[in-house]
Structures are given as structure tokens and as C-alpha cells.
Amino acid sequence: MQFIDQQHVHYPTQRLCQALGVVPSRYDAWQKGAATSAVAPAEPARETALVDVFDEHQRRYGTRRLRVELRALGHQVGRQTIRTALRRQARKALQPKTFVPRTTDSTHGKRCAPNLLFDQPKSTQANRVWVSDITYLPLANGNWVYCCAFQDVCSTQVVGWQVRADMP
């Protein structure tokens, strides 16, 4: 760097950097008195606030929410800076596993009921043949309920349904 600084009067800086294998932006940073590394050291107060907010929310907040919280505390910080700081602190946000209720138990080892409608012609009279199915519905509070509906095969109308928190 010092050699480039001494010789830049006689030769173009770009050519000196190329000859010595130095990145020009590194030379510019050195010339301005910046640290030799490309990343400036993190602010201790900002990093302490980041760790406090991260721990306060039980490691559930990612970079988006942490940025909002830190900006509310008066720290101007971007998501990439937060990501780097979390990596430096060896911290990672927890990813909750999605809960999908299981409505079918295929490992019960029992025989399945035969399909009695398989070989039968399509029903031509209403209220003679019904079919049903069960599905689950998510609620706003995060819980699930099961919905069982009965449908008439001939008219394709829903003839009955029931919603319960359990599936007996």
C-alpha cells in the first residue's frame, strides 16, 4: 500500500494495483484511513441491543422484526448487518415446525372397509346413498377443528355436517 502511495504520482493507481494484485477499493480504504478489513467493527451498543432484543423475544425474531425493534430503539441498522451480527454471536432464530393434523392413521394394521359403491351404478334417487369425508380447518387462534360433511350422491347436496375440536 505504501509503495502504491509513493508511486501513484509517476504511474496510474489502477495499473499499480493490478501489478501488485491489490484491489483498488482496498487501496482507497487504506488511503482514507479505514481499517484494512472491508467490514467495519460493529457498534458495541448496537450489538448489545441486538442481543437483548433477540433474547427478549425468546429467539423467535428474525432479521425483519429485529430491524423494526432496533430502529424503534434508535439504531439505524439494516438486515444484512443484523444477519452478520447474529452469525458473529452464534445465534439463530428458531423456526417453528408447522402443525398439520393427521386425519388418517394408515399404520393401524386393521383391514379397511370395502368400497360398497365401487360396482354399483350411480344413484338416481335422492337420500338413498350418502358419502362423507373429514377435513380440518385452522382457527384464528391457532387451533384446529375437524369438519365432517355428508353429501347425497344423487343431488350432490350437503345433507349434514358437524364441526368438533376432536375426531372421535
N, C-alpha and C. Protein backbone atom coordinates (compact mmCIF):
# COMPACT_ATOMS: atom_id res chain seq x y z
N MET A 1 0.82 -1.18 0.00
CA MET A 1 0.00 0.00 0.00
C MET A 1 0.88 1.26 0.00
N GLN A 2 1.91 1.22 0.81
CA GLN A 2 2.78 2.40 0.87
C GLN A 2 3.53 2.60 -0.45
N PHE A 3 3.89 1.49 -1.09
CA PHE A 3 4.57 1.59 -2.38
C PHE A 3 3.65 2.24 -3.42
N ILE A 4 2.38 1.83 -3.42
CA ILE A 4 1.42 2.43 -4.34
C ILE A 4 1.27 3.91 -4.04
N ASP A 5 1.23 4.24 -2.75
CA ASP A 5 1.09 5.64 -2.34
C ASP A 5 2.28 6.48 -2.80
N GLN A 6 3.46 5.89 -2.77
CA GLN A 6 4.66 6.63 -3.21
C GLN A 6 4.72 6.76 -4.73
N GLN A 7 4.28 5.74 -5.44
CA GLN A 7 4.46 5.69 -6.89
C GLN A 7 3.26 6.19 -7.69
N HIS A 8 2.14 6.54 -7.00
CA HIS A 8 0.95 6.93 -7.77
C HIS A 8 1.14 8.27 -8.50
N VAL A 9 2.18 9.01 -8.16
CA VAL A 9 2.49 10.25 -8.86
C VAL A 9 3.05 9.94 -10.25
N HIS A 10 3.85 8.86 -10.36
CA HIS A 10 4.51 8.51 -11.62
C HIS A 10 3.68 7.55 -12.48
N TYR A 11 2.85 6.70 -11.84
CA TYR A 11 2.09 5.69 -12.58
C TYR A 11 0.62 5.77 -12.18
N PRO A 12 -0.27 5.33 -13.04
CA PRO A 12 -1.69 5.29 -12.66
C PRO A 12 -1.93 4.31 -11.51
N THR A 13 -2.77 4.70 -10.61
CA THR A 13 -3.07 3.87 -9.44
C THR A 13 -3.66 2.52 -9.87
N GLN A 14 -4.50 2.56 -10.87
CA GLN A 14 -5.13 1.32 -11.36
C GLN A 14 -4.07 0.32 -11.81
N ARG A 15 -3.07 0.79 -12.54
CA ARG A 15 -2.03 -0.11 -13.05
C ARG A 15 -1.15 -0.62 -11.91
N LEU A 16 -0.85 0.23 -10.93
CA LEU A 16 -0.05 -0.20 -9.78
C LEU A 16 -0.78 -1.28 -8.98
N CYS A 17 -2.07 -1.06 -8.78
CA CYS A 17 -2.87 -2.05 -8.04
C CYS A 17 -2.91 -3.37 -8.79
N GLN A 18 -3.06 -3.29 -10.10
CA GLN A 18 -3.11 -4.50 -10.91
C GLN A 18 -1.77 -5.25 -10.86
N ALA A 19 -0.69 -4.52 -10.93
CA ALA A 19 0.64 -5.14 -10.92
C ALA A 19 0.94 -5.81 -9.59
N LEU A 20 0.46 -5.22 -8.50
CA LEU A 20 0.74 -5.76 -7.17
C LEU A 20 -0.35 -6.70 -6.65
N GLY A 21 -1.42 -6.85 -7.43
CA GLY A 21 -2.50 -7.74 -7.01
C GLY A 21 -3.32 -7.18 -5.87
N VAL A 22 -3.49 -5.87 -5.84
CA VAL A 22 -4.26 -5.22 -4.79
C VAL A 22 -5.57 -4.73 -5.39
N VAL A 23 -6.65 -4.93 -4.69
CA VAL A 23 -7.95 -4.43 -5.14
C VAL A 23 -7.95 -2.92 -4.96
N PRO A 24 -8.31 -2.15 -5.99
CA PRO A 24 -8.29 -0.69 -5.88
C PRO A 24 -9.14 -0.13 -4.73
N SER A 25 -10.28 -0.76 -4.47
CA SER A 25 -11.11 -0.26 -3.37
C SER A 25 -10.41 -0.46 -2.02
N ARG A 26 -9.60 -1.50 -1.90
CA ARG A 26 -8.84 -1.72 -0.67
C ARG A 26 -7.80 -0.60 -0.49
N TYR A 27 -7.17 -0.23 -1.59
CA TYR A 27 -6.20 0.86 -1.53
C TYR A 27 -6.89 2.17 -1.15
N ASP A 28 -8.06 2.44 -1.75
CA ASP A 28 -8.80 3.66 -1.42
C ASP A 28 -9.18 3.69 0.06
N ALA A 29 -9.62 2.53 0.59
CA ALA A 29 -9.98 2.46 2.01
C ALA A 29 -8.75 2.70 2.89
N TRP A 30 -7.63 2.14 2.49
CA TRP A 30 -6.39 2.35 3.26
C TRP A 30 -5.99 3.82 3.22
N GLN A 31 -6.14 4.42 2.07
CA GLN A 31 -5.75 5.82 1.90
C GLN A 31 -6.63 6.74 2.75
N LYS A 32 -7.89 6.39 2.93
CA LYS A 32 -8.80 7.21 3.73
C LYS A 32 -8.67 6.92 5.23
N GLY A 33 -7.80 6.01 5.57
CA GLY A 33 -7.56 5.72 6.98
C GLY A 33 -8.51 4.69 7.54
N ALA A 34 -9.25 4.01 6.68
CA ALA A 34 -10.16 2.97 7.14
C ALA A 34 -9.36 1.76 7.57
N ALA A 35 -10.00 0.86 8.24
CA ALA A 35 -9.36 -0.38 8.68
C ALA A 35 -9.03 -1.22 7.45
N THR A 36 -8.09 -2.11 7.58
CA THR A 36 -7.68 -2.94 6.44
C THR A 36 -8.73 -3.96 6.06
N SER A 37 -9.64 -4.25 6.95
CA SER A 37 -10.71 -5.18 6.60
C SER A 37 -11.83 -4.41 5.92
N ALA A 38 -12.60 -5.10 5.11
CA ALA A 38 -13.67 -4.46 4.36
C ALA A 38 -14.87 -4.16 5.25
N VAL A 39 -14.98 -4.85 6.39
CA VAL A 39 -16.11 -4.67 7.27
C VAL A 39 -15.67 -3.88 8.49
N ALA A 40 -16.37 -2.80 8.76
CA ALA A 40 -16.06 -2.01 9.95
C ALA A 40 -16.54 -2.74 11.19
N PRO A 41 -15.85 -2.60 12.30
CA PRO A 41 -16.30 -3.28 13.52
C PRO A 41 -17.66 -2.76 13.95
N ALA A 42 -18.45 -3.65 14.52
CA ALA A 42 -19.81 -3.30 14.90
C ALA A 42 -19.81 -2.39 16.13
N GLU A 43 -20.83 -1.57 16.19
CA GLU A 43 -21.01 -0.69 17.34
C GLU A 43 -21.34 -1.54 18.56
N PRO A 44 -20.64 -1.39 19.68
CA PRO A 44 -20.95 -2.24 20.84
C PRO A 44 -22.36 -2.02 21.36
N ALA A 45 -22.84 -0.78 21.37
CA ALA A 45 -24.18 -0.52 21.89
C ALA A 45 -25.24 -1.18 21.00
N ARG A 46 -25.03 -1.09 19.70
CA ARG A 46 -26.00 -1.68 18.77
C ARG A 46 -26.01 -3.20 18.91
N GLU A 47 -24.84 -3.78 19.03
CA GLU A 47 -24.76 -5.23 19.15
C GLU A 47 -25.35 -5.71 20.48
N THR A 48 -25.13 -4.97 21.53
CA THR A 48 -25.73 -5.31 22.83
C THR A 48 -27.25 -5.22 22.76
N ALA A 49 -27.76 -4.16 22.11
CA ALA A 49 -29.20 -4.01 21.96
C ALA A 49 -29.77 -5.14 21.12
N LEU A 50 -29.05 -5.55 20.09
CA LEU A 50 -29.49 -6.65 19.24
C LEU A 50 -29.63 -7.94 20.04
N VAL A 51 -28.62 -8.24 20.84
CA VAL A 51 -28.66 -9.46 21.65
C VAL A 51 -29.79 -9.39 22.67
N ASP A 52 -29.98 -8.22 23.28
CA ASP A 52 -31.05 -8.06 24.26
C ASP A 52 -32.44 -8.27 23.64
N VAL A 53 -32.67 -7.66 22.48
CA VAL A 53 -33.97 -7.81 21.80
C VAL A 53 -34.16 -9.25 21.35
N PHE A 54 -33.11 -9.86 20.82
CA PHE A 54 -33.19 -11.24 20.35
C PHE A 54 -33.55 -12.18 21.51
N ASP A 55 -32.90 -12.00 22.65
CA ASP A 55 -33.19 -12.85 23.80
C ASP A 55 -34.54 -12.53 24.43
N GLU A 56 -34.93 -11.27 24.39
CA GLU A 56 -36.22 -10.86 24.97
C GLU A 56 -37.38 -11.56 24.26
N HIS A 57 -37.25 -11.79 22.99
CA HIS A 57 -38.30 -12.44 22.21
C HIS A 57 -38.06 -13.94 22.04
N GLN A 58 -37.32 -14.53 22.94
CA GLN A 58 -37.06 -15.97 23.01
C GLN A 58 -36.58 -16.56 21.69
N ARG A 59 -35.70 -15.84 20.99
CA ARG A 59 -35.06 -16.30 19.75
C ARG A 59 -36.07 -16.56 18.65
N ARG A 60 -37.22 -15.89 18.71
CA ARG A 60 -38.26 -16.08 17.70
C ARG A 60 -38.19 -15.03 16.59
N TYR A 61 -37.52 -13.90 16.83
CA TYR A 61 -37.48 -12.82 15.84
C TYR A 61 -36.37 -13.03 14.84
N GLY A 62 -36.69 -12.87 13.56
CA GLY A 62 -35.70 -12.91 12.50
C GLY A 62 -35.21 -11.50 12.21
N THR A 63 -34.53 -11.34 11.09
CA THR A 63 -33.90 -10.06 10.77
C THR A 63 -34.92 -8.96 10.52
N ARG A 64 -36.07 -9.30 9.94
CA ARG A 64 -37.08 -8.27 9.65
C ARG A 64 -37.62 -7.66 10.94
N ARG A 65 -38.05 -8.50 11.85
CA ARG A 65 -38.61 -7.99 13.11
C ARG A 65 -37.55 -7.33 13.98
N LEU A 66 -36.34 -7.90 13.96
CA LEU A 66 -35.27 -7.30 14.76
C LEU A 66 -34.93 -5.91 14.25
N ARG A 67 -34.95 -5.72 12.93
CA ARG A 67 -34.66 -4.39 12.38
C ARG A 67 -35.70 -3.38 12.85
N VAL A 68 -36.97 -3.75 12.85
CA VAL A 68 -38.02 -2.84 13.31
C VAL A 68 -37.81 -2.48 14.78
N GLU A 69 -37.51 -3.49 15.59
CA GLU A 69 -37.29 -3.25 17.03
C GLU A 69 -36.07 -2.36 17.27
N LEU A 70 -34.98 -2.63 16.56
CA LEU A 70 -33.76 -1.84 16.77
C LEU A 70 -33.93 -0.41 16.28
N ARG A 71 -34.66 -0.23 15.19
CA ARG A 71 -34.91 1.13 14.72
C ARG A 71 -35.80 1.90 15.68
N ALA A 72 -36.72 1.19 16.34
CA ALA A 72 -37.55 1.84 17.35
C ALA A 72 -36.70 2.26 18.55
N LEU A 73 -35.61 1.55 18.78
CA LEU A 73 -34.70 1.91 19.87
C LEU A 73 -33.69 2.98 19.45
N GLY A 74 -33.72 3.39 18.17
CA GLY A 74 -32.84 4.45 17.71
C GLY A 74 -31.57 3.98 17.01
N HIS A 75 -31.47 2.72 16.67
CA HIS A 75 -30.30 2.20 15.98
C HIS A 75 -30.62 2.06 14.49
N GLN A 76 -29.90 2.79 13.65
CA GLN A 76 -30.07 2.67 12.21
C GLN A 76 -29.27 1.46 11.75
N VAL A 77 -29.96 0.40 11.39
CA VAL A 77 -29.30 -0.85 11.05
C VAL A 77 -30.09 -1.54 9.96
N GLY A 78 -29.38 -2.25 9.08
CA GLY A 78 -30.01 -2.99 8.00
C GLY A 78 -30.06 -4.47 8.31
N ARG A 79 -30.81 -5.20 7.48
CA ARG A 79 -30.98 -6.63 7.72
C ARG A 79 -29.69 -7.40 7.57
N GLN A 80 -28.87 -7.02 6.60
CA GLN A 80 -27.61 -7.74 6.38
C GLN A 80 -26.67 -7.55 7.57
N THR A 81 -26.66 -6.35 8.14
CA THR A 81 -25.84 -6.09 9.32
C THR A 81 -26.32 -6.93 10.50
N ILE A 82 -27.63 -7.04 10.65
CA ILE A 82 -28.20 -7.87 11.72
C ILE A 82 -27.82 -9.33 11.49
N ARG A 83 -27.96 -9.79 10.25
CA ARG A 83 -27.63 -11.17 9.92
C ARG A 83 -26.18 -11.48 10.26
N THR A 84 -25.28 -10.56 9.90
CA THR A 84 -23.85 -10.74 10.18
C THR A 84 -23.59 -10.76 11.68
N ALA A 85 -24.23 -9.83 12.40
CA ALA A 85 -24.03 -9.76 13.85
C ALA A 85 -24.55 -11.02 14.54
N LEU A 86 -25.70 -11.52 14.11
CA LEU A 86 -26.23 -12.75 14.70
C LEU A 86 -25.30 -13.93 14.43
N ARG A 87 -24.76 -13.98 13.24
CA ARG A 87 -23.82 -15.06 12.90
C ARG A 87 -22.57 -14.95 13.76
N ARG A 88 -22.10 -13.71 13.96
CA ARG A 88 -20.90 -13.49 14.78
C ARG A 88 -21.17 -13.91 16.22
N GLN A 89 -22.38 -13.69 16.71
CA GLN A 89 -22.75 -14.06 18.07
C GLN A 89 -23.18 -15.54 18.18
N ALA A 90 -23.15 -16.25 17.08
CA ALA A 90 -23.55 -17.67 17.03
C ALA A 90 -24.99 -17.84 17.49
N ARG A 91 -25.86 -16.97 17.00
CA ARG A 91 -27.28 -17.03 17.34
C ARG A 91 -28.09 -17.21 16.07
N LYS A 92 -29.16 -18.00 16.21
CA LYS A 92 -30.01 -18.26 15.07
C LYS A 92 -31.46 -18.31 15.54
N ALA A 93 -32.34 -17.68 14.77
CA ALA A 93 -33.75 -17.65 15.14
C ALA A 93 -34.35 -19.05 15.00
N LEU A 94 -35.26 -19.38 15.90
CA LEU A 94 -35.93 -20.67 15.86
C LEU A 94 -36.99 -20.66 14.78
N GLN A 95 -37.09 -21.72 14.02
CA GLN A 95 -38.13 -21.86 13.02
C GLN A 95 -39.17 -22.83 13.57
N PRO A 96 -40.39 -22.34 13.84
CA PRO A 96 -41.40 -23.26 14.37
C PRO A 96 -41.81 -24.28 13.32
N LYS A 97 -42.03 -25.48 13.78
CA LYS A 97 -42.49 -26.53 12.87
C LYS A 97 -43.99 -26.37 12.66
N THR A 98 -44.40 -26.47 11.41
CA THR A 98 -45.82 -26.33 11.12
C THR A 98 -46.55 -27.57 11.60
N PHE A 99 -47.70 -27.35 12.22
CA PHE A 99 -48.51 -28.45 12.72
C PHE A 99 -49.57 -28.78 11.68
N VAL A 100 -49.57 -30.00 11.23
CA VAL A 100 -50.59 -30.46 10.30
C VAL A 100 -51.29 -31.64 10.98
N PRO A 101 -52.56 -31.46 11.32
CA PRO A 101 -53.25 -32.56 11.98
C PRO A 101 -53.38 -33.75 11.04
N ARG A 102 -53.25 -34.91 11.58
CA ARG A 102 -53.36 -36.13 10.79
C ARG A 102 -54.77 -36.70 10.97
N THR A 103 -55.48 -36.84 9.87
CA THR A 103 -56.84 -37.36 9.95
C THR A 103 -56.90 -38.83 9.57
N THR A 104 -55.82 -39.35 9.03
CA THR A 104 -55.80 -40.76 8.61
C THR A 104 -54.65 -41.46 9.31
N ASP A 105 -54.96 -42.59 9.92
CA ASP A 105 -53.94 -43.42 10.53
C ASP A 105 -53.77 -44.65 9.64
N SER A 106 -52.78 -44.63 8.77
CA SER A 106 -52.58 -45.72 7.83
C SER A 106 -51.79 -46.88 8.42
N THR A 107 -51.26 -46.72 9.61
CA THR A 107 -50.43 -47.76 10.21
C THR A 107 -51.16 -48.54 11.31
N HIS A 108 -52.47 -48.58 11.24
CA HIS A 108 -53.22 -49.24 12.30
C HIS A 108 -53.18 -50.76 12.19
N GLY A 109 -52.89 -51.32 11.02
CA GLY A 109 -52.78 -52.77 10.86
C GLY A 109 -54.11 -53.48 10.74
N LYS A 110 -55.20 -52.74 10.74
CA LYS A 110 -56.53 -53.36 10.62
C LYS A 110 -56.97 -53.33 9.16
N ARG A 111 -57.94 -54.16 8.84
CA ARG A 111 -58.45 -54.17 7.48
C ARG A 111 -59.29 -52.91 7.25
N CYS A 112 -59.23 -52.40 6.04
CA CYS A 112 -60.05 -51.24 5.68
C CYS A 112 -61.41 -51.72 5.22
N ALA A 113 -62.40 -50.87 5.43
CA ALA A 113 -63.75 -51.22 5.00
C ALA A 113 -63.80 -51.23 3.47
N PRO A 114 -64.48 -52.20 2.89
CA PRO A 114 -64.55 -52.25 1.43
C PRO A 114 -65.43 -51.13 0.88
N ASN A 115 -65.17 -50.74 -0.37
CA ASN A 115 -65.96 -49.72 -1.03
C ASN A 115 -67.20 -50.40 -1.60
N LEU A 116 -68.34 -50.18 -0.95
CA LEU A 116 -69.58 -50.83 -1.36
C LEU A 116 -70.19 -50.19 -2.60
N LEU A 117 -69.75 -49.00 -2.95
CA LEU A 117 -70.31 -48.31 -4.11
C LEU A 117 -69.49 -48.52 -5.37
N PHE A 118 -68.40 -49.27 -5.28
CA PHE A 118 -67.48 -49.40 -6.39
C PHE A 118 -68.14 -50.01 -7.63
N ASP A 119 -68.89 -51.10 -7.45
CA ASP A 119 -69.50 -51.80 -8.59
C ASP A 119 -70.96 -51.39 -8.82
N GLN A 120 -71.47 -50.46 -8.06
CA GLN A 120 -72.88 -50.08 -8.16
C GLN A 120 -73.07 -48.96 -9.19
N PRO A 121 -74.21 -48.93 -9.86
CA PRO A 121 -74.49 -47.81 -10.77
C PRO A 121 -74.76 -46.54 -9.96
N LYS A 122 -74.65 -45.39 -10.62
CA LYS A 122 -74.86 -44.11 -9.94
C LYS A 122 -76.31 -44.01 -9.47
N SER A 123 -76.48 -43.53 -8.27
CA SER A 123 -77.81 -43.43 -7.67
C SER A 123 -78.67 -42.43 -8.44
N THR A 124 -79.94 -42.78 -8.65
CA THR A 124 -80.87 -41.90 -9.38
C THR A 124 -81.92 -41.31 -8.47
N GLN A 125 -81.97 -41.69 -7.20
CA GLN A 125 -82.93 -41.16 -6.25
C GLN A 125 -82.20 -40.47 -5.11
N ALA A 126 -82.76 -39.34 -4.69
CA ALA A 126 -82.17 -38.58 -3.59
C ALA A 126 -82.35 -39.32 -2.28
N ASN A 127 -81.44 -39.09 -1.35
CA ASN A 127 -81.47 -39.64 0.01
C ASN A 127 -81.40 -41.16 0.04
N ARG A 128 -80.79 -41.76 -0.98
CA ARG A 128 -80.58 -43.20 -0.97
C ARG A 128 -79.13 -43.55 -0.62
N VAL A 129 -78.19 -42.75 -1.15
CA VAL A 129 -76.77 -43.02 -0.92
C VAL A 129 -76.10 -41.72 -0.49
N TRP A 130 -75.45 -41.79 0.66
CA TRP A 130 -74.69 -40.63 1.14
C TRP A 130 -73.22 -41.03 1.24
N VAL A 131 -72.36 -40.05 1.05
CA VAL A 131 -70.93 -40.24 1.28
C VAL A 131 -70.46 -39.13 2.22
N SER A 132 -69.34 -39.37 2.89
CA SER A 132 -68.85 -38.34 3.82
C SER A 132 -67.33 -38.29 3.78
N ASP A 133 -66.82 -37.19 4.30
CA ASP A 133 -65.38 -37.02 4.41
C ASP A 133 -65.11 -36.09 5.58
N ILE A 134 -63.88 -36.16 6.08
CA ILE A 134 -63.46 -35.33 7.20
C ILE A 134 -62.30 -34.47 6.75
N THR A 135 -62.31 -33.23 7.15
CA THR A 135 -61.19 -32.34 6.90
C THR A 135 -60.95 -31.51 8.15
N TYR A 136 -59.87 -30.79 8.17
CA TYR A 136 -59.57 -29.95 9.32
C TYR A 136 -59.52 -28.50 8.87
N LEU A 137 -59.89 -27.61 9.79
CA LEU A 137 -59.94 -26.18 9.49
C LEU A 137 -59.11 -25.42 10.52
N PRO A 138 -58.24 -24.52 10.08
CA PRO A 138 -57.49 -23.72 11.05
C PRO A 138 -58.34 -22.58 11.59
N LEU A 139 -58.20 -22.32 12.88
CA LEU A 139 -58.91 -21.21 13.51
C LEU A 139 -57.96 -20.03 13.67
N ALA A 140 -58.52 -18.85 13.92
CA ALA A 140 -57.71 -17.63 14.06
C ALA A 140 -56.78 -17.70 15.26
N ASN A 141 -57.15 -18.44 16.30
CA ASN A 141 -56.31 -18.52 17.50
C ASN A 141 -55.20 -19.56 17.39
N GLY A 142 -55.09 -20.23 16.23
CA GLY A 142 -54.02 -21.21 16.03
C GLY A 142 -54.43 -22.64 16.26
N ASN A 143 -55.63 -22.87 16.77
CA ASN A 143 -56.12 -24.23 16.99
C ASN A 143 -56.74 -24.77 15.70
N TRP A 144 -57.13 -26.05 15.75
CA TRP A 144 -57.75 -26.70 14.61
C TRP A 144 -59.08 -27.30 15.02
N VAL A 145 -60.01 -27.36 14.10
CA VAL A 145 -61.26 -28.09 14.32
C VAL A 145 -61.45 -29.03 13.12
N TYR A 146 -62.19 -30.09 13.36
CA TYR A 146 -62.46 -31.07 12.33
C TYR A 146 -63.89 -30.87 11.83
N CYS A 147 -64.05 -30.93 10.52
CA CYS A 147 -65.36 -30.77 9.91
C CYS A 147 -65.69 -32.05 9.15
N CYS A 148 -66.82 -32.65 9.49
CA CYS A 148 -67.29 -33.84 8.79
C CYS A 148 -68.55 -33.45 8.02
N ALA A 149 -68.58 -33.71 6.73
CA ALA A 149 -69.73 -33.35 5.90
C ALA A 149 -70.29 -34.61 5.24
N PHE A 150 -71.62 -34.65 5.09
CA PHE A 150 -72.32 -35.74 4.42
C PHE A 150 -72.96 -35.19 3.16
N GLN A 151 -72.76 -35.90 2.05
CA GLN A 151 -73.27 -35.44 0.77
C GLN A 151 -74.12 -36.52 0.13
N ASP A 152 -75.22 -36.10 -0.45
CA ASP A 152 -76.08 -37.01 -1.19
C ASP A 152 -75.44 -37.23 -2.56
N VAL A 153 -75.28 -38.50 -2.96
CA VAL A 153 -74.60 -38.82 -4.21
C VAL A 153 -75.44 -38.38 -5.41
N CYS A 154 -76.74 -38.51 -5.35
CA CYS A 154 -77.59 -38.17 -6.50
C CYS A 154 -77.67 -36.67 -6.72
N SER A 155 -78.01 -35.92 -5.69
CA SER A 155 -78.22 -34.48 -5.85
C SER A 155 -76.94 -33.67 -5.61
N THR A 156 -75.89 -34.28 -5.13
CA THR A 156 -74.61 -33.65 -4.75
C THR A 156 -74.81 -32.50 -3.77
N GLN A 157 -75.88 -32.54 -3.01
CA GLN A 157 -76.12 -31.53 -1.97
C GLN A 157 -75.57 -32.02 -0.65
N VAL A 158 -75.06 -31.10 0.17
CA VAL A 158 -74.60 -31.44 1.51
C VAL A 158 -75.84 -31.58 2.38
N VAL A 159 -76.05 -32.76 2.93
CA VAL A 159 -77.25 -33.02 3.72
C VAL A 159 -77.00 -32.90 5.22
N GLY A 160 -75.73 -32.79 5.64
CA GLY A 160 -75.44 -32.63 7.05
C GLY A 160 -73.96 -32.45 7.27
N TRP A 161 -73.64 -31.82 8.39
CA TRP A 161 -72.23 -31.60 8.73
C TRP A 161 -72.11 -31.38 10.22
N GLN A 162 -70.90 -31.59 10.72
CA GLN A 162 -70.63 -31.36 12.13
C GLN A 162 -69.19 -30.89 12.28
N VAL A 163 -68.98 -29.93 13.20
CA VAL A 163 -67.65 -29.41 13.48
C VAL A 163 -67.33 -29.70 14.95
N ARG A 164 -66.15 -30.28 15.19
CA ARG A 164 -65.75 -30.59 16.56
C ARG A 164 -64.27 -30.33 16.72
N ALA A 165 -63.86 -30.16 17.96
CA ALA A 165 -62.45 -29.95 18.26
C ALA A 165 -61.67 -31.26 18.27
N ASP A 166 -62.37 -32.38 18.41
CA ASP A 166 -61.71 -33.67 18.38
C ASP A 166 -62.34 -34.53 17.28
N MET A 167 -61.70 -35.64 16.99
CA MET A 167 -62.20 -36.51 15.93
C MET A 167 -62.43 -37.91 16.51
N PRO A 168 -63.62 -38.13 17.05
CA PRO A 168 -63.87 -39.45 17.65
C PRO A 168 -64.02 -40.54 16.58
